[in-house]
Amino acid sequence: MLVAAGALLLAGGGLAAVATTALAGNSDPNAEAGHQRTTLATTISCPDVGDRLRQVPSGARLQVSKGLAALDRQVATAYEQMSGSQGNKVLSNDVLSRLKQQRSKTIGTMANAIARNAKRPTYLMAMSGCTTKPTGDRLNAAGQTGSQYGTKSTNDGWGQSPSQDPAQGGDPSQQGQSQVPGQSQDPNQGQSQGQQGGPSPDDFADINTVQPNAGDPPFAAPQGSGASTGTFTSECGRNEDGHFNSDNVIVTPGVSNGAHHTHDYVGNKSTDANSNDQSLAASDTTCTNGDLSTYYWPVLRKLDGTSENTPGAGHDGNNGSVLTPASVTIQYRGSQAGAVRAMPQDLRIITGDAKALTNGTANANASWSCTGFENRQLKDKYPLCPQGSQVVRTFAFQNCWDGRNTDSANHRTHVAFSDRNGQCPQGFTAIPQLVERLTYDVPQGDSFAVDSFPEQLHKPVTDHGDFINVMPTDLMNKAVDCINRGQKCT
């Protein structure tokens, strides 16, 4: 049983730590009899206001968008301040107190905007307080989250330890936008010195130790007499044009740097914070079949010590060189239960949770693997692939729609996943399932990380994908026809 004994922070900021005592042998002559001291990394945990939103009138959307972006900035700033408090518990408490005051004011402004045209969301006011909690990463004597990897993984194949939820210990409280993933050693050595600000070597697992686990949908395509077994593929390139920004037009429209991490785009060429349905429909596309849809995800970076102090990059704790995918596959699949219907124009879907470390894994949907091993999928670990094998990220999007809304206040409740038999929840209907597969050539070892919010520490469980359907109606109808007829089309 671990008992918190006090707080300390790494010199120079970036990753908070908490000193703890653990029942153990008397191995440390300076420790109390029967106890030895260990150190755990911590992060800030705050309730996710955006996830709790249930109604946002059109007149309040910009104010709510600005409020959500402000809440993220406040947590990032508090994280930075906490990192600079040099273990002073009083100062740390002051940081949390100021953060609560800031969040209370911002949430109140959002609630007032909503209340002009809808019922005031008073439940949001209870979400201003934040805490610090351990991440589960142990720090070594040098104050780093460095531990040698390469030992047999204890995860159950989905990357989740049977004894610990990866999201435990991340409760949204405090960490700021300072330190970025630190440098790893010579990548050819396959061993890291440990990172400040994440990821930890504990976030990596040798793919050879993972048991096969991907026999069920969405990784197994629908099959059988009742299934819609066709596929429709849009060939949209690998973002060779360099379409990047740190906006998120779905969650924080109208706000620059609303994501605090850099997004990689294929498809629609114009997507940024100020895009709307009309501008997206008028844009050009990188897709060869005329698909105007927007497909985006956080970039993957090589931890090579490079840094660019710009929004979404070093300014927000995301350092290293951006890796261009070796391949990007955009494919739509059918349903195990039967025919699918067309997606509505302008449908927005987010899969996964960018704040899964602190929110918990209810909405997490990360899947990591290696080429040649894709029957083994990791949820909360980055894969360590053998020589010649590429890292694979897979995003399988929600495949059921409520039949009415192209978006929802929290960007989740209008869509859902079917069960393993393809049955949608009551009131939902099957739509083509978007499955994105990205491959990367990365250096050997724990030498890469996905961009994240600063307090999420670049954890692999936070990986996520975003999609806006801007496929011309005729093309969507062609896709649905191909899928329902069991054909393979592009």
Protein backbone atom coordinates (compact mmCIF):
# COMPACT_ATOMS: atom_id res chain seq x y z
CA MET A 1 0.00 0.00 0.00
CA LEU A 2 1.44 3.36 -0.99
CA VAL A 3 0.99 6.37 1.24
CA ALA A 4 1.75 9.86 -0.07
CA ALA A 5 4.50 11.47 1.94
CA GLY A 6 5.13 14.73 0.10
CA ALA A 7 5.59 16.32 -3.28
CA LEU A 8 8.69 17.10 -5.27
CA LEU A 9 9.34 18.15 -8.81
CA LEU A 10 12.07 17.53 -11.27
CA ALA A 11 14.52 20.38 -11.53
CA GLY A 12 13.79 22.42 -14.58
CA GLY A 13 10.12 21.48 -14.66
CA GLY A 14 8.21 19.20 -16.88
CA LEU A 15 7.20 16.24 -14.77
CA ALA A 16 5.88 16.33 -11.25
CA ALA A 17 6.75 13.54 -8.84
CA VAL A 18 5.49 12.44 -5.46
CA ALA A 19 7.56 10.75 -2.78
CA THR A 20 5.89 7.70 -1.28
CA THR A 21 6.64 5.00 1.27
CA ALA A 22 5.93 1.36 0.59
CA LEU A 23 5.88 -1.66 2.84
CA ALA A 24 9.01 -3.58 1.93
CA GLY A 25 12.17 -5.09 3.28
CA ASN A 26 14.75 -3.12 5.22
CA SER A 27 16.97 -2.73 2.16
CA ASP A 28 17.59 0.99 2.61
CA PRO A 29 19.65 1.64 5.73
CA ASN A 30 18.46 5.25 5.76
CA ALA A 31 14.79 4.35 5.52
CA GLU A 32 12.51 3.79 8.42
CA ALA A 33 12.52 0.23 9.68
CA GLY A 34 10.29 -1.91 7.48
CA HIS A 35 9.90 0.76 4.80
CA GLN A 36 11.77 2.03 1.80
CA ARG A 37 11.15 5.16 -0.24
CA THR A 38 10.04 5.16 -3.84
CA THR A 39 9.08 7.99 -6.18
CA LEU A 40 6.15 8.14 -8.59
CA ALA A 41 5.51 10.56 -11.43
CA THR A 42 2.32 12.62 -11.14
CA THR A 43 0.16 14.76 -13.35
CA ILE A 44 -2.72 17.22 -12.98
CA SER A 45 -6.24 15.88 -13.23
CA CYS A 46 -9.28 18.08 -13.90
CA PRO A 47 -12.85 17.04 -14.73
CA ASP A 48 -13.44 17.10 -18.48
CA VAL A 49 -16.04 19.82 -18.98
CA GLY A 50 -16.33 19.22 -22.72
CA ASP A 51 -17.23 15.58 -22.22
CA ARG A 52 -20.07 16.51 -19.85
CA LEU A 53 -21.74 19.04 -22.14
CA ARG A 54 -25.22 17.95 -23.19
CA GLN A 55 -26.66 21.02 -24.92
CA VAL A 56 -24.94 23.93 -26.64
CA PRO A 57 -27.28 26.30 -28.50
CA SER A 58 -25.92 27.68 -31.77
CA GLY A 59 -25.62 31.17 -30.30
CA ALA A 60 -23.36 29.87 -27.51
CA ARG A 61 -21.04 27.72 -29.62
CA LEU A 62 -18.22 30.21 -30.06
CA GLN A 63 -18.26 31.22 -26.38
CA VAL A 64 -18.23 27.57 -25.33
CA SER A 65 -15.44 26.84 -27.80
CA LYS A 66 -13.35 29.68 -26.39
CA GLY A 67 -14.11 28.49 -22.87
CA LEU A 68 -12.96 24.93 -23.56
CA ALA A 69 -9.74 26.22 -25.10
CA ALA A 70 -9.20 28.52 -22.10
CA LEU A 71 -9.64 25.60 -19.68
CA ASP A 72 -6.94 23.66 -21.53
CA ARG A 73 -4.60 26.66 -21.43
CA GLN A 74 -5.22 27.07 -17.71
CA VAL A 75 -4.29 23.45 -17.00
CA ALA A 76 -1.17 23.76 -19.15
CA THR A 77 -0.09 26.91 -17.32
CA ALA A 78 -0.77 25.35 -13.93
CA TYR A 79 1.27 22.32 -14.96
CA GLU A 80 4.18 24.59 -15.82
CA GLN A 81 3.83 26.50 -12.55
CA MET A 82 3.59 23.30 -10.55
CA SER A 83 6.75 22.05 -12.22
CA GLY A 84 8.51 25.22 -11.16
CA SER A 85 7.43 25.11 -7.51
CA GLN A 86 10.43 22.99 -6.56
CA GLY A 87 8.46 20.64 -4.34
CA ASN A 88 7.01 23.37 -2.15
CA LYS A 89 3.70 21.90 -1.04
CA VAL A 90 2.28 25.30 -0.07
CA LEU A 91 3.08 26.74 -3.49
CA SER A 92 1.65 23.66 -5.17
CA ASN A 93 -1.58 24.10 -3.25
CA ASP A 94 -1.62 27.75 -4.26
CA VAL A 95 -1.34 26.72 -7.91
CA LEU A 96 -4.30 24.39 -7.55
CA SER A 97 -6.29 27.06 -5.75
CA ARG A 98 -5.65 29.64 -8.48
CA LEU A 99 -6.49 27.05 -11.12
CA LYS A 100 -9.83 26.35 -9.46
CA GLN A 101 -10.65 30.07 -9.38
CA GLN A 102 -9.77 30.45 -13.06
CA ARG A 103 -11.78 27.39 -14.07
CA SER A 104 -14.77 28.50 -12.00
CA LYS A 105 -14.84 31.84 -13.78
CA THR A 106 -14.45 30.28 -17.23
CA ILE A 107 -17.08 27.61 -16.61
CA GLY A 108 -19.45 30.29 -15.30
CA THR A 109 -19.02 32.29 -18.50
CA MET A 110 -19.77 29.18 -20.58
CA ALA A 111 -22.84 28.40 -18.46
CA ASN A 112 -24.12 31.96 -18.88
CA ALA A 113 -23.76 31.72 -22.65
CA ILE A 114 -25.69 28.44 -22.75
CA ALA A 115 -28.38 29.82 -20.41
CA ARG A 116 -29.34 32.55 -22.86
CA ASN A 117 -31.13 29.99 -25.03
CA ALA A 118 -31.32 26.81 -22.94
CA LYS A 119 -31.44 25.56 -19.38
CA ARG A 120 -28.44 26.68 -17.36
CA PRO A 121 -26.02 23.73 -16.92
CA THR A 122 -25.49 24.17 -13.18
CA TYR A 123 -23.86 20.74 -12.96
CA LEU A 124 -20.79 22.16 -14.68
CA MET A 125 -20.00 24.43 -11.73
CA ALA A 126 -18.94 21.42 -9.67
CA MET A 127 -16.16 20.67 -12.16
CA SER A 128 -13.75 23.50 -11.36
CA GLY A 129 -11.54 21.72 -8.81
CA CYS A 130 -8.44 19.79 -9.85
CA THR A 131 -6.02 17.45 -8.09
CA THR A 132 -2.62 15.85 -8.58
CA LYS A 133 -2.40 12.11 -8.89
CA PRO A 134 0.33 9.60 -9.73
CA THR A 135 0.58 8.30 -13.28
CA GLY A 136 1.85 4.87 -12.29
CA ASP A 137 5.31 5.61 -13.71
CA ARG A 138 8.14 5.11 -11.22
CA LEU A 139 11.03 7.53 -11.22
CA ASN A 140 14.60 6.33 -10.94
CA ALA A 141 17.32 7.78 -8.73
CA ALA A 142 18.04 10.45 -11.34
CA GLY A 143 14.46 11.69 -11.10
CA GLN A 144 13.49 10.34 -14.51
CA THR A 145 10.78 7.96 -15.62
CA GLY A 146 13.57 5.80 -16.94
CA SER A 147 13.48 2.05 -16.51
CA GLN A 148 14.93 -0.51 -18.83
CA TYR A 149 12.37 -2.02 -21.11
CA GLY A 150 12.75 -5.29 -22.87
CA THR A 151 11.55 -7.49 -20.03
CA LYS A 152 8.47 -9.59 -20.68
CA SER A 153 5.33 -7.48 -20.87
CA THR A 154 2.73 -8.09 -18.14
CA ASN A 155 -0.15 -6.70 -20.18
CA ASP A 156 -3.00 -8.90 -21.31
CA GLY A 157 -2.39 -8.29 -25.00
CA TRP A 158 -4.55 -5.18 -25.21
CA GLY A 159 -1.78 -3.29 -23.45
CA GLN A 160 -3.64 -3.08 -20.16
CA SER A 161 -2.09 -4.48 -17.04
CA PRO A 162 -4.43 -6.86 -15.24
CA SER A 163 -3.63 -5.12 -11.98
CA GLN A 164 -3.92 -1.48 -13.02
CA ASP A 165 -6.12 0.63 -15.23
CA PRO A 166 -3.74 2.80 -17.27
CA ALA A 167 -5.86 5.82 -16.49
CA GLN A 168 -5.59 5.41 -12.75
CA GLY A 169 -3.26 7.95 -11.33
CA GLY A 170 -4.08 10.47 -14.03
CA ASP A 171 -6.83 12.62 -12.64
CA PRO A 172 -7.01 16.02 -14.34
CA SER A 173 -5.23 18.37 -12.07
CA GLN A 174 -2.00 19.96 -12.88
CA GLN A 175 0.87 20.17 -15.24
CA GLY A 176 1.69 22.74 -17.67
CA GLN A 177 2.88 23.20 -21.10
CA SER A 178 6.53 22.97 -20.26
CA GLN A 179 8.63 19.98 -20.83
CA VAL A 180 8.46 18.00 -23.89
CA PRO A 181 9.40 14.42 -24.38
CA GLY A 182 13.07 14.28 -23.52
CA GLN A 183 15.74 12.83 -25.71
CA SER A 184 16.37 9.14 -25.86
CA GLN A 185 19.80 7.58 -26.15
CA ASP A 186 21.23 6.47 -29.42
CA PRO A 187 18.18 4.84 -30.93
CA ASN A 188 20.29 1.92 -32.07
CA GLN A 189 20.89 0.99 -28.46
CA GLY A 190 17.17 0.41 -27.95
CA GLN A 191 17.21 1.95 -24.49
CA SER A 192 16.13 5.31 -23.19
CA GLN A 193 17.56 7.62 -20.57
CA GLY A 194 14.00 8.39 -19.45
CA GLN A 195 11.79 11.28 -20.41
CA GLN A 196 10.69 14.46 -18.72
CA GLY A 197 7.07 15.09 -19.58
CA GLY A 198 6.64 11.64 -21.08
CA PRO A 199 6.55 9.16 -22.48
CA SER A 200 8.13 6.73 -20.05
CA PRO A 201 9.96 3.59 -21.19
CA ASP A 202 7.21 1.82 -19.25
CA ASP A 203 4.86 3.03 -22.01
CA PHE A 204 6.50 0.66 -24.51
CA ALA A 205 6.06 -3.09 -24.96
CA ASP A 206 7.90 -5.62 -27.10
CA ILE A 207 5.33 -6.79 -29.65
CA ASN A 208 6.76 -10.32 -29.40
CA THR A 209 5.43 -10.58 -25.82
CA VAL A 210 1.85 -9.64 -26.75
CA GLN A 211 -0.67 -12.42 -27.22
CA PRO A 212 -2.87 -12.42 -30.36
CA ASN A 213 -6.11 -10.57 -29.53
CA ALA A 214 -7.50 -8.93 -32.66
CA GLY A 215 -9.80 -11.61 -34.02
CA ASP A 216 -12.99 -9.64 -33.33
CA PRO A 217 -14.43 -6.59 -35.12
CA PRO A 218 -13.41 -3.95 -36.00
CA PHE A 219 -10.08 -5.57 -36.86
CA ALA A 220 -11.74 -8.55 -38.50
CA ALA A 221 -13.81 -7.41 -41.49
CA PRO A 222 -17.51 -8.40 -41.47
CA GLN A 223 -18.16 -11.82 -42.98
CA GLY A 224 -20.96 -14.35 -43.30
CA SER A 225 -24.29 -14.59 -45.11
CA GLY A 226 -25.96 -11.73 -43.24
CA ALA A 227 -23.06 -9.29 -43.26
CA SER A 228 -22.33 -6.40 -45.62
CA THR A 229 -18.84 -7.50 -46.62
CA GLY A 230 -17.75 -4.93 -49.18
CA THR A 231 -15.20 -2.14 -48.74
CA PHE A 232 -14.77 1.36 -50.13
CA THR A 233 -11.30 2.96 -50.09
CA SER A 234 -10.34 6.60 -50.55
CA GLU A 235 -6.73 7.09 -51.61
CA CYS A 236 -5.77 10.41 -50.04
CA GLY A 237 -1.99 10.31 -49.75
CA ARG A 238 0.26 10.66 -46.70
CA ASN A 239 0.07 14.43 -46.19
CA GLU A 240 2.95 14.96 -48.58
CA ASP A 241 1.76 18.59 -48.89
CA GLY A 242 2.47 19.26 -45.21
CA HIS A 243 -1.02 20.23 -44.06
CA PHE A 244 -0.49 20.68 -40.32
CA ASN A 245 -2.03 22.86 -37.62
CA SER A 246 -2.78 22.72 -33.90
CA ASP A 247 -6.48 23.56 -34.35
CA ASN A 248 -9.46 21.30 -33.74
CA VAL A 249 -12.41 22.45 -35.81
CA ILE A 250 -14.73 19.87 -34.22
CA VAL A 251 -14.06 20.55 -30.53
CA THR A 252 -12.89 24.18 -30.54
CA PRO A 253 -14.06 25.81 -33.79
CA GLY A 254 -12.95 29.39 -34.24
CA VAL A 255 -10.03 29.05 -31.81
CA SER A 256 -6.42 28.95 -33.00
CA ASN A 257 -4.26 26.30 -31.30
CA GLY A 258 -7.35 24.78 -29.71
CA ALA A 259 -5.73 21.32 -29.66
CA HIS A 260 -2.37 22.24 -28.05
CA HIS A 261 -0.85 19.53 -30.25
CA THR A 262 -0.21 19.27 -33.97
CA HIS A 263 -2.64 17.49 -36.29
CA ASP A 264 -1.77 15.67 -39.49
CA TYR A 265 -4.38 16.05 -42.27
CA VAL A 266 -5.31 14.18 -45.44
CA GLY A 267 -8.32 14.72 -47.65
CA ASN A 268 -9.80 18.22 -47.44
CA LYS A 269 -7.05 20.78 -48.10
CA SER A 270 -8.56 23.77 -46.29
CA THR A 271 -9.34 22.44 -42.81
CA ASP A 272 -8.44 24.69 -39.90
CA ALA A 273 -10.13 26.26 -36.89
CA ASN A 274 -12.22 28.58 -39.03
CA SER A 275 -13.60 25.96 -41.42
CA ASN A 276 -17.33 25.42 -41.71
CA ASP A 277 -19.58 23.15 -43.74
CA GLN A 278 -19.64 25.59 -46.66
CA SER A 279 -15.88 26.20 -46.82
CA LEU A 280 -15.12 22.48 -46.59
CA ALA A 281 -17.52 21.72 -49.43
CA ALA A 282 -15.84 24.37 -51.59
CA SER A 283 -12.31 23.08 -50.97
CA ASP A 284 -9.98 20.90 -52.97
CA THR A 285 -8.88 17.48 -51.72
CA THR A 286 -5.86 15.18 -51.73
CA CYS A 287 -8.16 12.17 -52.35
CA THR A 288 -8.02 10.82 -55.90
CA ASN A 289 -11.72 9.93 -56.03
CA GLY A 290 -13.02 13.40 -55.16
CA ASP A 291 -13.68 12.63 -51.49
CA LEU A 292 -13.68 16.06 -49.78
CA SER A 293 -13.85 14.63 -46.27
CA THR A 294 -11.50 15.76 -43.52
CA TYR A 295 -9.33 13.09 -41.90
CA TYR A 296 -6.93 14.11 -39.13
CA TRP A 297 -4.98 12.77 -36.13
CA PRO A 298 -2.11 13.87 -33.85
CA VAL A 299 1.31 13.68 -35.46
CA LEU A 300 3.84 11.07 -34.39
CA ARG A 301 7.28 12.47 -33.57
CA LYS A 302 10.77 11.03 -33.52
CA LEU A 303 12.37 11.96 -30.18
CA ASP A 304 15.58 13.25 -31.70
CA GLY A 305 16.14 16.28 -29.46
CA THR A 306 14.92 18.82 -32.01
CA SER A 307 12.50 21.52 -30.90
CA GLU A 308 10.45 24.24 -32.51
CA ASN A 309 8.88 26.77 -30.16
CA THR A 310 5.63 27.16 -32.05
CA PRO A 311 2.00 26.46 -31.05
CA GLY A 312 1.27 22.76 -31.02
CA ALA A 313 4.98 21.92 -31.04
CA GLY A 314 7.62 22.92 -28.47
CA HIS A 315 5.40 25.73 -27.19
CA ASP A 316 3.00 23.04 -25.97
CA GLY A 317 5.48 20.38 -24.92
CA ASN A 318 5.63 18.46 -28.21
CA ASN A 319 9.25 18.19 -29.32
CA GLY A 320 10.99 16.08 -31.93
CA SER A 321 10.80 15.73 -35.69
CA VAL A 322 7.39 15.04 -37.21
CA LEU A 323 7.26 11.62 -38.87
CA THR A 324 5.47 11.38 -42.20
CA PRO A 325 3.51 8.12 -42.39
CA ALA A 326 4.95 5.48 -44.69
CA SER A 327 1.37 4.69 -45.71
CA VAL A 328 -2.16 5.86 -44.96
CA THR A 329 -5.18 3.68 -45.75
CA ILE A 330 -8.69 5.18 -45.53
CA GLN A 331 -11.26 2.41 -45.78
CA TYR A 332 -15.00 2.07 -45.11
CA ARG A 333 -16.39 -1.30 -44.07
CA GLY A 334 -19.82 -2.85 -43.60
CA SER A 335 -21.73 -4.35 -40.70
CA GLN A 336 -21.79 -7.87 -39.34
CA ALA A 337 -25.56 -7.50 -38.88
CA GLY A 338 -26.53 -6.49 -42.43
CA ALA A 339 -26.77 -3.51 -44.75
CA VAL A 340 -25.49 -0.04 -43.89
CA ARG A 341 -27.07 3.30 -44.77
CA ALA A 342 -25.35 6.44 -46.04
CA MET A 343 -23.63 8.77 -43.63
CA PRO A 344 -25.22 12.24 -43.55
CA GLN A 345 -23.32 15.13 -45.07
CA ASP A 346 -21.18 17.00 -42.50
CA LEU A 347 -21.27 14.16 -39.93
CA ARG A 348 -18.53 14.67 -37.35
CA ILE A 349 -16.96 11.77 -35.44
CA ILE A 350 -14.15 11.63 -32.90
CA THR A 351 -12.79 8.24 -31.93
CA GLY A 352 -10.57 7.80 -28.89
CA ASP A 353 -9.90 10.31 -26.11
CA ALA A 354 -7.05 12.84 -26.14
CA LYS A 355 -7.35 13.01 -22.33
CA ALA A 356 -7.65 9.30 -21.61
CA LEU A 357 -4.80 9.40 -19.09
CA THR A 358 -6.80 11.63 -16.77
CA ASN A 359 -10.35 10.87 -17.94
CA GLY A 360 -10.05 7.11 -17.75
CA THR A 361 -10.52 4.69 -20.60
CA ALA A 362 -14.30 4.85 -21.18
CA ASN A 363 -13.80 6.65 -24.51
CA ALA A 364 -10.25 5.48 -25.25
CA ASN A 365 -9.84 3.70 -28.58
CA ALA A 366 -6.13 3.66 -29.32
CA SER A 367 -4.69 0.65 -31.17
CA TRP A 368 -0.97 0.22 -31.78
CA SER A 369 0.83 -2.66 -33.46
CA CYS A 370 3.60 -3.64 -35.88
CA THR A 371 3.46 -4.82 -39.49
CA GLY A 372 3.50 -8.59 -39.49
CA PHE A 373 1.94 -8.64 -36.00
CA GLU A 374 -1.43 -6.94 -36.51
CA ASN A 375 -3.31 -9.75 -34.82
CA ARG A 376 -1.72 -8.24 -31.69
CA GLN A 377 -3.11 -4.81 -30.77
CA LEU A 378 -1.92 -2.62 -27.88
CA LYS A 379 -4.20 -0.08 -26.22
CA ASP A 380 -1.96 1.67 -23.67
CA LYS A 381 1.52 0.78 -24.91
CA TYR A 382 3.64 1.84 -27.85
CA PRO A 383 4.91 -1.22 -29.73
CA LEU A 384 8.59 -2.08 -29.93
CA CYS A 385 8.80 -3.64 -33.38
CA PRO A 386 11.52 -5.98 -34.65
CA GLN A 387 13.98 -4.78 -37.28
CA GLY A 388 12.23 -4.27 -40.61
CA SER A 389 8.73 -4.02 -39.10
CA GLN A 390 6.82 -0.72 -39.11
CA VAL A 391 4.77 0.82 -36.30
CA VAL A 392 1.02 0.70 -37.07
CA ARG A 393 -1.72 2.99 -35.73
CA THR A 394 -5.32 1.94 -36.38
CA PHE A 395 -8.41 4.10 -35.83
CA ALA A 396 -11.73 2.23 -36.04
CA PHE A 397 -14.53 4.81 -35.84
CA GLN A 398 -18.04 4.49 -34.43
CA ASN A 399 -20.30 2.65 -36.88
CA CYS A 400 -23.79 3.51 -35.57
CA TRP A 401 -25.62 6.85 -35.99
CA ASP A 402 -28.68 8.23 -34.17
CA GLY A 403 -30.34 9.08 -37.50
CA ARG A 404 -30.86 12.75 -36.62
CA ASN A 405 -27.76 14.70 -35.60
CA THR A 406 -24.52 15.35 -37.43
CA ASP A 407 -22.84 16.35 -34.16
CA SER A 408 -23.61 16.59 -30.43
CA ALA A 409 -22.58 18.88 -27.60
CA ASN A 410 -19.82 16.54 -26.42
CA HIS A 411 -19.20 15.25 -29.99
CA ARG A 412 -19.93 11.68 -28.89
CA THR A 413 -23.56 10.92 -28.10
CA HIS A 414 -24.84 11.14 -31.70
CA VAL A 415 -22.76 8.09 -32.69
CA ALA A 416 -21.98 4.76 -31.04
CA PHE A 417 -20.24 1.43 -31.59
CA SER A 418 -22.15 -1.70 -32.47
CA ASP A 419 -21.69 -4.86 -30.44
CA ARG A 420 -19.48 -7.65 -31.77
CA ASN A 421 -22.45 -9.03 -33.71
CA GLY A 422 -22.95 -5.73 -35.51
CA GLN A 423 -26.09 -4.77 -33.59
CA CYS A 424 -26.41 -1.02 -32.94
CA PRO A 425 -27.87 0.39 -29.70
CA GLN A 426 -31.60 1.05 -29.69
CA GLY A 427 -32.43 4.13 -31.77
CA PHE A 428 -29.19 3.89 -33.80
CA THR A 429 -28.64 2.57 -37.31
CA ALA A 430 -25.57 1.07 -39.00
CA ILE A 431 -23.40 3.30 -41.20
CA PRO A 432 -20.14 2.48 -43.01
CA GLN A 433 -17.35 2.07 -40.48
CA LEU A 434 -14.34 4.26 -41.19
CA VAL A 435 -11.09 2.39 -40.45
CA GLU A 436 -7.82 4.28 -40.82
CA ARG A 437 -4.49 2.44 -40.88
CA LEU A 438 -1.21 4.36 -40.65
CA THR A 439 2.29 2.88 -40.80
CA TYR A 440 5.57 4.52 -39.79
CA ASP A 441 9.27 3.87 -40.11
CA VAL A 442 10.70 4.72 -36.68
CA PRO A 443 14.17 4.24 -35.16
CA GLN A 444 14.60 1.17 -33.00
CA GLY A 445 13.74 1.54 -29.31
CA ASP A 446 11.50 3.89 -27.35
CA SER A 447 12.31 6.74 -29.71
CA PHE A 448 8.89 8.09 -30.72
CA ALA A 449 5.73 9.55 -29.19
CA VAL A 450 2.34 10.88 -30.21
CA ASP A 451 1.56 14.57 -29.68
CA SER A 452 -0.65 15.26 -26.68
CA PHE A 453 -1.94 17.86 -24.25
CA PRO A 454 0.95 18.63 -21.85
CA GLU A 455 -0.59 16.96 -18.80
CA GLN A 456 -1.34 13.78 -20.76
CA LEU A 457 2.41 13.00 -20.91
CA HIS A 458 2.34 11.63 -24.47
CA LYS A 459 0.72 8.41 -23.30
CA PRO A 460 -0.20 6.04 -26.14
CA VAL A 461 -3.70 5.54 -24.67
CA THR A 462 -4.49 9.17 -25.61
CA ASP A 463 -4.26 8.51 -29.36
CA HIS A 464 -7.36 9.59 -31.28
CA GLY A 465 -8.72 10.38 -34.72
CA ASP A 466 -11.14 12.99 -36.10
CA PHE A 467 -13.36 12.88 -39.17
CA ILE A 468 -15.84 15.14 -40.98
CA ASN A 469 -17.83 13.59 -43.81
CA VAL A 470 -17.72 15.87 -46.83
CA MET A 471 -17.98 13.05 -49.36
CA PRO A 472 -20.17 14.13 -52.32
CA THR A 473 -23.59 12.47 -52.12
CA ASP A 474 -23.08 10.41 -55.29
CA LEU A 475 -19.76 9.12 -53.97
CA MET A 476 -21.24 8.21 -50.59
CA ASN A 477 -24.06 6.35 -52.35
CA LYS A 478 -21.48 4.48 -54.42
CA ALA A 479 -19.59 3.55 -51.25
CA VAL A 480 -22.75 2.24 -49.56
CA ASP A 481 -23.74 0.26 -52.66
CA CYS A 482 -20.29 -1.33 -52.89
CA ILE A 483 -20.28 -2.26 -49.22
CA ASN A 484 -23.79 -3.72 -49.25
CA ARG A 485 -23.13 -5.71 -52.44
CA GLY A 486 -19.91 -7.21 -51.06
CA GLN A 487 -17.70 -5.47 -53.62
CA LYS A 488 -14.34 -3.73 -53.22
CA CYS A 489 -14.36 -0.21 -54.66
CA THR A 490 -12.31 2.99 -54.63
